[in-house]
Amino acid sequence: MASFALSHSRTGSRVTSNVIVMTTSASVPTGSPDAPTRAGTVTDRLVEANERYAADFTDPGMDARPVLRVAVVACMDARLDLHAALGLQLGDCHTIRNAGGVVTDDVIRSLTISQRKLGTRSIVLIHHTGCGLESLTEDFRTELEQEIGQRPAWAVESFRDVDQDVRQSMQRVRTSPFLLHTDDVRGFVFDVKTGLLREIDAAA
């Protein structure tokens, strides 16, 4: 399948914003001003970064309604830079992320609010290659119960076939009675090695 991208134009005043380049801890040289110190924590580092960000921050004057009227549901995997991968800018979309990018009850909750109160119409679902949920089973819940004495109420939502899991997620969205707009629901698998999206045929 061809790669997928979102494009758009804006009207009115142009919104500009600063771009922060995020690096992984492994890519920060020892002795660098950005390297974590023994006294600090990762959260301290993030708070300090926010202070630098806020020093140059200008209110873009947006409201909560996404410009492109689209909601993207994706895995929480740290390798997925959704805005960069999809050509999105601040204010373009709603982004909903969880382990696996699966459509759970809480994702339906967020999508329902997104559509009914904030005007989105399109839904893009993104799983990816090499997902950690492919190596888990529902036994994980049993392990937790044995460890802490309480069984989680939630399902692990593990899977073996990423394409089929995308189809299941599309089906859950399309059959939800709470969503107003289910005519533009598309699912993809993001390749973490190439950066390309491969579209999944819901009817396959």
C-alpha atoms as a PDB file:
ATOM      1  CA  MET A   1       0.000   0.000   0.000  1.00  0.00           C
ATOM      2  CA  ALA A   2       1.106   3.588  -0.539  1.00  0.00           C
ATOM      3  CA  SER A   3       2.279   5.649   2.393  1.00  0.00           C
ATOM      4  CA  PHE A   4      -0.327   7.814   4.129  1.00  0.00           C
ATOM      5  CA  ALA A   5      -0.082  11.489   4.981  1.00  0.00           C
ATOM      6  CA  LEU A   6      -2.419  14.220   6.120  1.00  0.00           C
ATOM      7  CA  SER A   7      -2.209  17.617   4.455  1.00  0.00           C
ATOM      8  CA  HIS A   8      -4.137  20.803   4.992  1.00  0.00           C
ATOM      9  CA  SER A   9      -4.184  24.560   4.676  1.00  0.00           C
ATOM     10  CA  ARG A  10      -5.153  27.160   7.200  1.00  0.00           C
ATOM     11  CA  THR A  11      -7.062  30.378   6.789  1.00  0.00           C
ATOM     12  CA  GLY A  12      -6.795  33.521   8.818  1.00  0.00           C
ATOM     13  CA  SER A  13      -3.738  34.347  10.882  1.00  0.00           C
ATOM     14  CA  ARG A  14      -0.852  31.929  10.635  1.00  0.00           C
ATOM     15  CA  VAL A  15      -0.051  30.038  13.820  1.00  0.00           C
ATOM     16  CA  THR A  16       3.610  29.685  14.597  1.00  0.00           C
ATOM     17  CA  SER A  17       5.209  27.724  17.374  1.00  0.00           C
ATOM     18  CA  ASN A  18       8.613  26.717  18.623  1.00  0.00           C
ATOM     19  CA  VAL A  19       9.827  23.230  17.843  1.00  0.00           C
ATOM     20  CA  ILE A  20      11.523  21.293  20.614  1.00  0.00           C
ATOM     21  CA  VAL A  21      13.863  18.540  19.496  1.00  0.00           C
ATOM     22  CA  MET A  22      13.549  15.636  21.930  1.00  0.00           C
ATOM     23  CA  THR A  23      16.405  13.168  22.277  1.00  0.00           C
ATOM     24  CA  THR A  24      16.583   9.884  24.103  1.00  0.00           C
ATOM     25  CA  SER A  25      18.720   9.668  27.211  1.00  0.00           C
ATOM     26  CA  ALA A  26      21.108   7.382  25.341  1.00  0.00           C
ATOM     27  CA  SER A  27      21.785  10.092  22.760  1.00  0.00           C
ATOM     28  CA  VAL A  28      22.773  12.759  25.307  1.00  0.00           C
ATOM     29  CA  PRO A  29      26.583  12.786  25.745  1.00  0.00           C
ATOM     30  CA  THR A  30      27.977  12.348  29.230  1.00  0.00           C
ATOM     31  CA  GLY A  31      28.840  15.735  30.662  1.00  0.00           C
ATOM     32  CA  SER A  32      26.315  17.512  28.410  1.00  0.00           C
ATOM     33  CA  PRO A  33      24.245  20.273  30.064  1.00  0.00           C
ATOM     34  CA  ASP A  34      21.187  18.200  29.115  1.00  0.00           C
ATOM     35  CA  ALA A  35      22.451  15.018  30.767  1.00  0.00           C
ATOM     36  CA  PRO A  36      20.556  13.960  33.912  1.00  0.00           C
ATOM     37  CA  THR A  37      22.410  14.661  37.158  1.00  0.00           C
ATOM     38  CA  ARG A  38      22.640  12.337  40.157  1.00  0.00           C
ATOM     39  CA  ALA A  39      20.523  14.727  42.219  1.00  0.00           C
ATOM     40  CA  GLY A  40      17.827  15.145  39.600  1.00  0.00           C
ATOM     41  CA  THR A  41      15.170  12.783  38.247  1.00  0.00           C
ATOM     42  CA  VAL A  42      13.746  12.351  34.764  1.00  0.00           C
ATOM     43  CA  THR A  43      10.729  14.374  35.878  1.00  0.00           C
ATOM     44  CA  ASP A  44      13.030  17.171  37.078  1.00  0.00           C
ATOM     45  CA  ARG A  45      14.582  17.200  33.626  1.00  0.00           C
ATOM     46  CA  LEU A  46      11.166  17.473  31.990  1.00  0.00           C
ATOM     47  CA  VAL A  47      10.125  20.322  34.291  1.00  0.00           C
ATOM     48  CA  GLU A  48      13.321  22.197  33.476  1.00  0.00           C
ATOM     49  CA  ALA A  49      12.683  21.674  29.768  1.00  0.00           C
ATOM     50  CA  ASN A  50       9.172  23.062  30.227  1.00  0.00           C
ATOM     51  CA  GLU A  51      10.542  26.178  31.891  1.00  0.00           C
ATOM     52  CA  ARG A  52      12.769  26.810  28.845  1.00  0.00           C
ATOM     53  CA  TYR A  53       9.795  26.133  26.546  1.00  0.00           C
ATOM     54  CA  ALA A  54       7.496  28.462  28.480  1.00  0.00           C
ATOM     55  CA  ALA A  55      10.041  31.279  28.375  1.00  0.00           C
ATOM     56  CA  ASP A  56       9.451  31.609  24.617  1.00  0.00           C
ATOM     57  CA  PHE A  57       5.837  30.417  24.558  1.00  0.00           C
ATOM     58  CA  THR A  58       3.169  32.512  22.848  1.00  0.00           C
ATOM     59  CA  ASP A  59      -0.517  31.681  23.189  1.00  0.00           C
ATOM     60  CA  PRO A  60      -1.539  30.403  19.718  1.00  0.00           C
ATOM     61  CA  GLY A  61      -5.132  31.509  20.305  1.00  0.00           C
ATOM     62  CA  MET A  62      -6.679  28.137  19.486  1.00  0.00           C
ATOM     63  CA  ASP A  63      -9.707  26.491  21.003  1.00  0.00           C
ATOM     64  CA  ALA A  64     -10.026  22.764  21.752  1.00  0.00           C
ATOM     65  CA  ARG A  65     -11.554  21.849  18.385  1.00  0.00           C
ATOM     66  CA  PRO A  66      -9.009  20.151  16.081  1.00  0.00           C
ATOM     67  CA  VAL A  67      -8.455  22.038  12.833  1.00  0.00           C
ATOM     68  CA  LEU A  68      -8.550  18.873  10.695  1.00  0.00           C
ATOM     69  CA  ARG A  69     -11.504  17.386  12.588  1.00  0.00           C
ATOM     70  CA  VAL A  70      -9.657  14.078  12.945  1.00  0.00           C
ATOM     71  CA  ALA A  71      -8.883  11.830  15.918  1.00  0.00           C
ATOM     72  CA  VAL A  72      -5.862   9.531  15.795  1.00  0.00           C
ATOM     73  CA  VAL A  73      -5.769   6.405  17.963  1.00  0.00           C
ATOM     74  CA  ALA A  74      -2.281   4.911  18.255  1.00  0.00           C
ATOM     75  CA  CYS A  75       0.010   2.814  20.396  1.00  0.00           C
ATOM     76  CA  MET A  76       1.951   4.508  23.192  1.00  0.00           C
ATOM     77  CA  ASP A  77       5.238   3.076  21.838  1.00  0.00           C
ATOM     78  CA  ALA A  78       8.024   5.653  22.213  1.00  0.00           C
ATOM     79  CA  ARG A  79       9.188   5.064  18.625  1.00  0.00           C
ATOM     80  CA  LEU A  80       6.030   6.601  17.144  1.00  0.00           C
ATOM     81  CA  ASP A  81       6.347  10.356  16.580  1.00  0.00           C
ATOM     82  CA  LEU A  82       2.822  10.805  15.279  1.00  0.00           C
ATOM     83  CA  HIS A  83       2.909  14.500  14.478  1.00  0.00           C
ATOM     84  CA  ALA A  84       6.098  14.145  12.454  1.00  0.00           C
ATOM     85  CA  ALA A  85       4.994  10.907  10.771  1.00  0.00           C
ATOM     86  CA  LEU A  86       1.635  12.348   9.679  1.00  0.00           C
ATOM     87  CA  GLY A  87       2.706  15.913   8.904  1.00  0.00           C
ATOM     88  CA  LEU A  88       0.556  17.299  11.688  1.00  0.00           C
ATOM     89  CA  GLN A  89       0.877  20.629  13.468  1.00  0.00           C
ATOM     90  CA  LEU A  90      -0.223  21.827  16.879  1.00  0.00           C
ATOM     91  CA  GLY A  91      -4.017  21.986  16.997  1.00  0.00           C
ATOM     92  CA  ASP A  92      -4.623  19.707  14.007  1.00  0.00           C
ATOM     93  CA  CYS A  93      -5.950  16.589  15.703  1.00  0.00           C
ATOM     94  CA  HIS A  94      -6.912  14.734  18.821  1.00  0.00           C
ATOM     95  CA  THR A  95      -4.393  12.035  19.741  1.00  0.00           C
ATOM     96  CA  ILE A  96      -5.480   9.073  21.874  1.00  0.00           C
ATOM     97  CA  ARG A  97      -2.752   6.594  22.846  1.00  0.00           C
ATOM     98  CA  ASN A  98      -2.613   3.410  24.876  1.00  0.00           C
ATOM     99  CA  ALA A  99      -0.721   0.106  24.957  1.00  0.00           C
ATOM    100  CA  GLY A 100      -1.247  -1.406  21.501  1.00  0.00           C
ATOM    101  CA  GLY A 101      -3.434   1.374  20.175  1.00  0.00           C
ATOM    102  CA  VAL A 102      -6.432  -0.905  20.671  1.00  0.00           C
ATOM    103  CA  VAL A 103      -9.988   0.389  20.853  1.00  0.00           C
ATOM    104  CA  THR A 104     -11.001  -0.130  24.469  1.00  0.00           C
ATOM    105  CA  ASP A 105     -14.025   1.280  26.293  1.00  0.00           C
ATOM    106  CA  ASP A 106     -11.937   4.253  27.385  1.00  0.00           C
ATOM    107  CA  VAL A 107     -10.890   4.948  23.781  1.00  0.00           C
ATOM    108  CA  ILE A 108     -14.577   4.905  22.790  1.00  0.00           C
ATOM    109  CA  ARG A 109     -15.183   7.361  25.656  1.00  0.00           C
ATOM    110  CA  SER A 110     -12.540   9.747  24.309  1.00  0.00           C
ATOM    111  CA  LEU A 111     -13.715   9.381  20.706  1.00  0.00           C
ATOM    112  CA  THR A 112     -17.321  10.036  21.740  1.00  0.00           C
ATOM    113  CA  ILE A 113     -16.338  13.274  23.478  1.00  0.00           C
ATOM    114  CA  SER A 114     -14.090  14.160  20.535  1.00  0.00           C
ATOM    115  CA  GLN A 115     -16.950  13.789  18.047  1.00  0.00           C
ATOM    116  CA  ARG A 116     -19.971  14.930  19.988  1.00  0.00           C
ATOM    117  CA  LYS A 117     -18.452  17.896  21.826  1.00  0.00           C
ATOM    118  CA  LEU A 118     -15.402  18.903  19.801  1.00  0.00           C
ATOM    119  CA  GLY A 119     -16.436  18.363  16.207  1.00  0.00           C
ATOM    120  CA  THR A 120     -14.179  15.603  14.856  1.00  0.00           C
ATOM    121  CA  ARG A 121     -15.451  13.375  12.059  1.00  0.00           C
ATOM    122  CA  SER A 122     -12.583  11.193  10.803  1.00  0.00           C
ATOM    123  CA  ILE A 123     -10.823   8.461  12.799  1.00  0.00           C
ATOM    124  CA  VAL A 124      -7.356   7.071  12.022  1.00  0.00           C
ATOM    125  CA  LEU A 125      -6.222   3.911  13.845  1.00  0.00           C
ATOM    126  CA  ILE A 126      -2.497   3.125  13.972  1.00  0.00           C
ATOM    127  CA  HIS A 127      -0.834  -0.071  15.222  1.00  0.00           C
ATOM    128  CA  HIS A 128       2.826  -0.818  14.493  1.00  0.00           C
ATOM    129  CA  THR A 129       5.340  -3.556  13.810  1.00  0.00           C
ATOM    130  CA  GLY A 130       7.202  -5.091  16.725  1.00  0.00           C
ATOM    131  CA  CYS A 131       4.518  -4.213  19.280  1.00  0.00           C
ATOM    132  CA  GLY A 132       5.096  -5.363  22.852  1.00  0.00           C
ATOM    133  CA  LEU A 133       1.534  -6.679  23.100  1.00  0.00           C
ATOM    134  CA  GLU A 134       2.459  -9.432  20.646  1.00  0.00           C
ATOM    135  CA  SER A 135       4.632 -11.010  23.352  1.00  0.00           C
ATOM    136  CA  LEU A 136       2.024 -10.833  26.137  1.00  0.00           C
ATOM    137  CA  THR A 137      -0.995 -12.995  26.910  1.00  0.00           C
ATOM    138  CA  GLU A 138      -3.924 -12.696  29.290  1.00  0.00           C
ATOM    139  CA  ASP A 139      -1.743 -14.675  31.723  1.00  0.00           C
ATOM    140  CA  PHE A 140      -0.287 -11.282  32.617  1.00  0.00           C
ATOM    141  CA  ARG A 141      -3.460 -10.580  34.587  1.00  0.00           C
ATOM    142  CA  THR A 142      -3.062 -13.860  36.474  1.00  0.00           C
ATOM    143  CA  GLU A 143       0.546 -12.983  37.284  1.00  0.00           C
ATOM    144  CA  LEU A 144      -0.584  -9.639  38.691  1.00  0.00           C
ATOM    145  CA  GLU A 145      -3.271 -11.332  40.760  1.00  0.00           C
ATOM    146  CA  GLN A 146      -0.731 -13.758  42.217  1.00  0.00           C
ATOM    147  CA  GLU A 147       1.679 -10.921  42.990  1.00  0.00           C
ATOM    148  CA  ILE A 148      -0.635  -8.364  44.575  1.00  0.00           C
ATOM    149  CA  GLY A 149      -3.779 -10.340  45.425  1.00  0.00           C
ATOM    150  CA  GLN A 150      -6.111  -8.496  43.066  1.00  0.00           C
ATOM    151  CA  ARG A 151      -7.043  -9.367  39.500  1.00  0.00           C
ATOM    152  CA  PRO A 152      -7.202  -6.386  37.104  1.00  0.00           C
ATOM    153  CA  ALA A 153     -10.640  -5.543  35.735  1.00  0.00           C
ATOM    154  CA  TRP A 154      -9.113  -4.637  32.360  1.00  0.00           C
ATOM    155  CA  ALA A 155      -8.075  -6.999  29.580  1.00  0.00           C
ATOM    156  CA  VAL A 156      -4.482  -7.072  28.337  1.00  0.00           C
ATOM    157  CA  GLU A 157      -5.755  -6.878  24.713  1.00  0.00           C
ATOM    158  CA  SER A 158      -2.724  -8.848  23.483  1.00  0.00           C
ATOM    159  CA  PHE A 159      -2.621 -10.103  19.906  1.00  0.00           C
ATOM    160  CA  ARG A 160      -0.570 -12.209  17.503  1.00  0.00           C
ATOM    161  CA  ASP A 161      -1.729 -10.822  14.145  1.00  0.00           C
ATOM    162  CA  VAL A 162      -1.337  -7.042  13.990  1.00  0.00           C
ATOM    163  CA  ASP A 163      -3.391  -6.721  10.795  1.00  0.00           C
ATOM    164  CA  GLN A 164      -6.305  -8.601  12.326  1.00  0.00           C
ATOM    165  CA  ASP A 165      -6.112  -6.508  15.474  1.00  0.00           C
ATOM    166  CA  VAL A 166      -6.397  -3.337  13.371  1.00  0.00           C
ATOM    167  CA  ARG A 167      -9.493  -4.830  11.723  1.00  0.00           C
ATOM    168  CA  GLN A 168     -10.956  -5.599  15.143  1.00  0.00           C
ATOM    169  CA  SER A 169     -10.318  -2.023  16.256  1.00  0.00           C
ATOM    170  CA  MET A 170     -12.007  -0.652  13.118  1.00  0.00           C
ATOM    171  CA  GLN A 171     -14.993  -2.916  13.766  1.00  0.00           C
ATOM    172  CA  ARG A 172     -15.286  -1.753  17.372  1.00  0.00           C
ATOM    173  CA  VAL A 173     -15.358   1.859  16.221  1.00  0.00           C
ATOM    174  CA  ARG A 174     -17.826   1.282  13.404  1.00  0.00           C
ATOM    175  CA  THR A 175     -20.287  -0.597  15.596  1.00  0.00           C
ATOM    176  CA  SER A 176     -20.193   1.719  18.609  1.00  0.00           C
ATOM    177  CA  PRO A 177     -23.639   3.229  19.251  1.00  0.00           C
ATOM    178  CA  PHE A 178     -22.038   6.282  20.870  1.00  0.00           C
ATOM    179  CA  LEU A 179     -20.150   7.587  17.831  1.00  0.00           C
ATOM    180  CA  LEU A 180     -21.868   9.912  15.376  1.00  0.00           C
ATOM    181  CA  HIS A 181     -19.471   9.532  12.445  1.00  0.00           C
ATOM    182  CA  THR A 182     -18.187   6.106  11.399  1.00  0.00           C
ATOM    183  CA  ASP A 183     -18.067   6.548   7.621  1.00  0.00           C
ATOM    184  CA  ASP A 184     -14.409   7.670   7.588  1.00  0.00           C
ATOM    185  CA  VAL A 185     -12.571   5.131   9.748  1.00  0.00           C
ATOM    186  CA  ARG A 186      -9.257   3.840   8.405  1.00  0.00           C
ATOM    187  CA  GLY A 187      -6.630   1.590   9.947  1.00  0.00           C
ATOM    188  CA  PHE A 188      -2.877   1.323   9.403  1.00  0.00           C
ATOM    189  CA  VAL A 189       0.248  -0.476  10.562  1.00  0.00           C
ATOM    190  CA  PHE A 190       3.273   1.766  11.071  1.00  0.00           C
ATOM    191  CA  ASP A 191       6.599   0.140  10.183  1.00  0.00           C
ATOM    192  CA  VAL A 192       9.098   1.173  12.862  1.00  0.00           C
ATOM    193  CA  LYS A 193      12.002   0.351  10.512  1.00  0.00           C
ATOM    194  CA  THR A 194      10.886   2.388   7.483  1.00  0.00           C
ATOM    195  CA  GLY A 195       8.494   4.975   8.944  1.00  0.00           C
ATOM    196  CA  LEU A 196       5.798   4.071   6.408  1.00  0.00           C
ATOM    197  CA  LEU A 197       2.141   3.361   7.057  1.00  0.00           C
ATOM    198  CA  ARG A 198       0.532   0.306   5.451  1.00  0.00           C
ATOM    199  CA  GLU A 199      -3.239   0.539   5.155  1.00  0.00           C
ATOM    200  CA  ILE A 200      -5.319  -2.407   6.344  1.00  0.00           C
ATOM    201  CA  ASP A 201      -8.366  -3.505   4.369  1.00  0.00           C
ATOM    202  CA  ALA A 202     -11.204  -3.932   6.820  1.00  0.00           C
ATOM    203  CA  ALA A 203     -12.891  -6.497   4.574  1.00  0.00           C
ATOM    204  CA  ALA A 204      -9.888  -8.833   4.217  1.00  0.00           C
END
